Amino acid sequence: MRAAGLAALDTVSAAHGVRSAEVAVALMAQQGVIAPITSATKVAHVESFSRAVSPELTPREFTQLKAAGTS
C-alpha cells in the first residue's frame, strides 16, 4: 500500500476513534465484500474485527480512501 493510502487510513481512523485495520475492514464491507479474510489468534483481534463494522464511512471518506489506493 502506498504511503498516501496509509495516511488516508490514519486520518479516517482518527476521525472515528478506531484503528486503521478496522477502517480497512469497514471499507471492504462498504464495497460489498461480506467476508473479508482476517485472522485472529487473540480475543482482542476478534473484538477489533467486530468494531470494524461500526465505522460508517462518509461518502467523502470512502472516496478519499479509494483515491489513496487502499482497496
N, C-alpha and C. Protein backbone atom coordinates (compact mmCIF):
# COMPACT_ATOMS: atom_id res chain seq x y z
N MET A 1 0.86 -1.17 0.00
CA MET A 1 0.00 0.00 0.00
C MET A 1 0.90 1.23 0.00
N ARG A 2 0.53 2.17 -0.75
CA ARG A 2 1.31 3.40 -0.85
C ARG A 2 1.20 4.21 0.45
N ALA A 3 2.15 5.13 0.60
CA ALA A 3 2.16 6.00 1.78
C ALA A 3 0.88 6.82 1.87
N ALA A 4 0.34 7.25 0.72
CA ALA A 4 -0.90 8.03 0.72
C ALA A 4 -2.05 7.20 1.27
N GLY A 5 -2.06 5.92 0.95
CA GLY A 5 -3.11 5.03 1.46
C GLY A 5 -3.04 4.89 2.97
N LEU A 6 -1.83 4.75 3.49
CA LEU A 6 -1.66 4.65 4.93
C LEU A 6 -2.06 5.94 5.63
N ALA A 7 -1.69 7.06 5.03
CA ALA A 7 -2.06 8.35 5.61
C ALA A 7 -3.57 8.53 5.62
N ALA A 8 -4.23 8.12 4.54
CA ALA A 8 -5.69 8.23 4.48
C ALA A 8 -6.33 7.34 5.54
N LEU A 9 -5.82 6.13 5.70
CA LEU A 9 -6.36 5.24 6.75
C LEU A 9 -6.17 5.86 8.13
N ASP A 10 -5.01 6.44 8.38
CA ASP A 10 -4.75 7.08 9.67
C ASP A 10 -5.71 8.24 9.92
N THR A 11 -5.95 9.05 8.90
CA THR A 11 -6.83 10.21 9.03
C THR A 11 -8.26 9.77 9.34
N VAL A 12 -8.76 8.82 8.59
CA VAL A 12 -10.14 8.36 8.78
C VAL A 12 -10.28 7.62 10.10
N SER A 13 -9.31 6.80 10.45
CA SER A 13 -9.41 6.06 11.71
C SER A 13 -9.39 7.02 12.90
N ALA A 14 -8.58 8.08 12.83
CA ALA A 14 -8.55 9.06 13.91
C ALA A 14 -9.89 9.78 14.03
N ALA A 15 -10.52 10.07 12.90
CA ALA A 15 -11.82 10.75 12.92
C ALA A 15 -12.90 9.89 13.56
N HIS A 16 -12.76 8.57 13.46
CA HIS A 16 -13.77 7.67 14.02
C HIS A 16 -13.35 7.08 15.37
N GLY A 17 -12.11 7.33 15.78
CA GLY A 17 -11.63 6.81 17.06
C GLY A 17 -11.43 5.31 17.04
N VAL A 18 -11.05 4.77 15.89
CA VAL A 18 -10.80 3.33 15.76
C VAL A 18 -9.42 3.12 15.14
N ARG A 19 -9.01 1.87 15.07
CA ARG A 19 -7.71 1.54 14.49
C ARG A 19 -7.80 1.53 12.96
N SER A 20 -6.66 1.73 12.32
CA SER A 20 -6.60 1.73 10.85
C SER A 20 -7.10 0.41 10.27
N ALA A 21 -6.77 -0.70 10.91
CA ALA A 21 -7.22 -2.01 10.42
C ALA A 21 -8.74 -2.10 10.43
N GLU A 22 -9.38 -1.48 11.41
CA GLU A 22 -10.83 -1.51 11.49
C GLU A 22 -11.45 -0.71 10.34
N VAL A 23 -10.82 0.41 9.98
CA VAL A 23 -11.30 1.20 8.84
C VAL A 23 -11.12 0.40 7.55
N ALA A 24 -10.00 -0.30 7.42
CA ALA A 24 -9.76 -1.11 6.22
C ALA A 24 -10.83 -2.18 6.05
N VAL A 25 -11.21 -2.83 7.14
CA VAL A 25 -12.27 -3.84 7.07
C VAL A 25 -13.62 -3.18 6.78
N ALA A 26 -13.88 -2.03 7.39
CA ALA A 26 -15.12 -1.30 7.12
C ALA A 26 -15.21 -0.89 5.66
N LEU A 27 -14.08 -0.47 5.08
CA LEU A 27 -14.05 -0.09 3.67
C LEU A 27 -14.42 -1.28 2.79
N MET A 28 -13.86 -2.44 3.10
CA MET A 28 -14.20 -3.64 2.33
C MET A 28 -15.68 -3.97 2.46
N ALA A 29 -16.19 -3.88 3.68
CA ALA A 29 -17.60 -4.20 3.91
C ALA A 29 -18.52 -3.26 3.14
N GLN A 30 -18.16 -1.97 3.09
CA GLN A 30 -18.99 -1.00 2.38
C GLN A 30 -18.89 -1.14 0.87
N GLN A 31 -17.91 -1.92 0.40
CA GLN A 31 -17.79 -2.19 -1.02
C GLN A 31 -18.49 -3.49 -1.39
N GLY A 32 -19.12 -4.12 -0.41
CA GLY A 32 -19.85 -5.33 -0.68
C GLY A 32 -19.09 -6.61 -0.40
N VAL A 33 -17.87 -6.50 0.10
CA VAL A 33 -17.11 -7.69 0.48
C VAL A 33 -17.69 -8.14 1.81
N ILE A 34 -18.41 -9.24 1.79
CA ILE A 34 -19.12 -9.64 3.00
C ILE A 34 -18.32 -10.59 3.89
N ALA A 35 -17.22 -11.08 3.40
CA ALA A 35 -16.40 -11.99 4.19
C ALA A 35 -14.93 -11.66 4.01
N PRO A 36 -14.49 -10.51 4.55
CA PRO A 36 -13.07 -10.20 4.43
C PRO A 36 -12.24 -11.26 5.14
N ILE A 37 -11.11 -11.57 4.58
CA ILE A 37 -10.24 -12.57 5.17
C ILE A 37 -9.46 -11.93 6.31
N THR A 38 -9.69 -12.44 7.49
CA THR A 38 -8.98 -11.95 8.66
C THR A 38 -8.49 -13.14 9.46
N SER A 39 -7.60 -12.89 10.37
CA SER A 39 -7.05 -13.94 11.19
C SER A 39 -7.05 -13.46 12.63
N ALA A 40 -7.42 -14.32 13.53
CA ALA A 40 -7.46 -13.94 14.93
C ALA A 40 -6.81 -15.02 15.78
N THR A 41 -5.80 -14.62 16.53
CA THR A 41 -5.16 -15.54 17.46
C THR A 41 -5.39 -15.13 18.91
N LYS A 42 -6.04 -13.98 19.08
CA LYS A 42 -6.33 -13.47 20.42
C LYS A 42 -7.73 -12.90 20.45
N VAL A 43 -8.33 -12.86 21.63
CA VAL A 43 -9.66 -12.31 21.80
C VAL A 43 -9.69 -10.86 21.34
N ALA A 44 -8.63 -10.12 21.58
CA ALA A 44 -8.57 -8.71 21.18
C ALA A 44 -8.72 -8.55 19.67
N HIS A 45 -8.21 -9.52 18.90
CA HIS A 45 -8.35 -9.46 17.45
C HIS A 45 -9.82 -9.57 17.05
N VAL A 46 -10.52 -10.50 17.66
CA VAL A 46 -11.94 -10.70 17.35
C VAL A 46 -12.73 -9.45 17.74
N GLU A 47 -12.43 -8.87 18.88
CA GLU A 47 -13.10 -7.64 19.31
C GLU A 47 -12.86 -6.52 18.32
N SER A 48 -11.63 -6.43 17.82
CA SER A 48 -11.30 -5.40 16.85
C SER A 48 -12.09 -5.59 15.56
N PHE A 49 -12.20 -6.82 15.10
CA PHE A 49 -12.94 -7.09 13.87
C PHE A 49 -14.42 -6.78 14.04
N SER A 50 -14.95 -7.04 15.23
CA SER A 50 -16.36 -6.73 15.46
C SER A 50 -16.60 -5.23 15.48
N ARG A 51 -15.60 -4.45 15.92
CA ARG A 51 -15.73 -2.99 15.89
C ARG A 51 -15.61 -2.46 14.47
N ALA A 52 -15.04 -3.22 13.58
CA ALA A 52 -14.81 -2.76 12.21
C ALA A 52 -16.10 -2.51 11.45
N VAL A 53 -17.19 -3.09 11.89
CA VAL A 53 -18.46 -2.85 11.20
C VAL A 53 -19.14 -1.58 11.68
N SER A 54 -18.64 -1.00 12.77
CA SER A 54 -19.29 0.19 13.31
C SER A 54 -18.92 1.49 12.62
N PRO A 55 -17.69 1.69 12.14
CA PRO A 55 -17.44 2.98 11.49
C PRO A 55 -18.18 3.07 10.15
N GLU A 56 -19.18 3.91 10.10
CA GLU A 56 -19.89 4.14 8.84
C GLU A 56 -19.14 5.24 8.12
N LEU A 57 -18.43 4.86 7.08
CA LEU A 57 -17.62 5.83 6.35
C LEU A 57 -18.53 6.77 5.57
N THR A 58 -18.20 8.06 5.64
CA THR A 58 -18.97 9.03 4.86
C THR A 58 -18.59 8.88 3.38
N PRO A 59 -19.41 9.38 2.49
CA PRO A 59 -19.05 9.32 1.07
C PRO A 59 -17.69 9.98 0.79
N ARG A 60 -17.41 11.07 1.48
CA ARG A 60 -16.12 11.76 1.31
C ARG A 60 -14.97 10.87 1.77
N GLU A 61 -15.11 10.21 2.92
CA GLU A 61 -14.06 9.33 3.43
C GLU A 61 -13.87 8.13 2.50
N PHE A 62 -14.98 7.58 2.03
CA PHE A 62 -14.92 6.44 1.11
C PHE A 62 -14.13 6.83 -0.14
N THR A 63 -14.45 7.99 -0.71
CA THR A 63 -13.76 8.47 -1.91
C THR A 63 -12.29 8.74 -1.61
N GLN A 64 -12.02 9.33 -0.45
CA GLN A 64 -10.63 9.63 -0.06
C GLN A 64 -9.81 8.34 0.03
N LEU A 65 -10.37 7.31 0.65
CA LEU A 65 -9.66 6.05 0.79
C LEU A 65 -9.45 5.36 -0.55
N LYS A 66 -10.47 5.37 -1.39
CA LYS A 66 -10.37 4.76 -2.71
C LYS A 66 -9.32 5.48 -3.56
N ALA A 67 -9.32 6.82 -3.51
CA ALA A 67 -8.39 7.61 -4.30
C ALA A 67 -6.94 7.39 -3.84
N ALA A 68 -6.79 7.09 -2.55
CA ALA A 68 -5.45 6.88 -2.00
C ALA A 68 -4.93 5.47 -2.28
N GLY A 69 -5.78 4.64 -2.87
CA GLY A 69 -5.35 3.30 -3.24
C GLY A 69 -5.40 2.29 -2.13
N THR A 70 -6.36 2.43 -1.22
CA THR A 70 -6.44 1.49 -0.09
C THR A 70 -7.28 0.27 -0.40
N SER A 71 -7.85 0.18 -1.58
CA SER A 71 -8.65 -1.01 -1.87
C SER A 71 -8.22 -1.62 -3.18
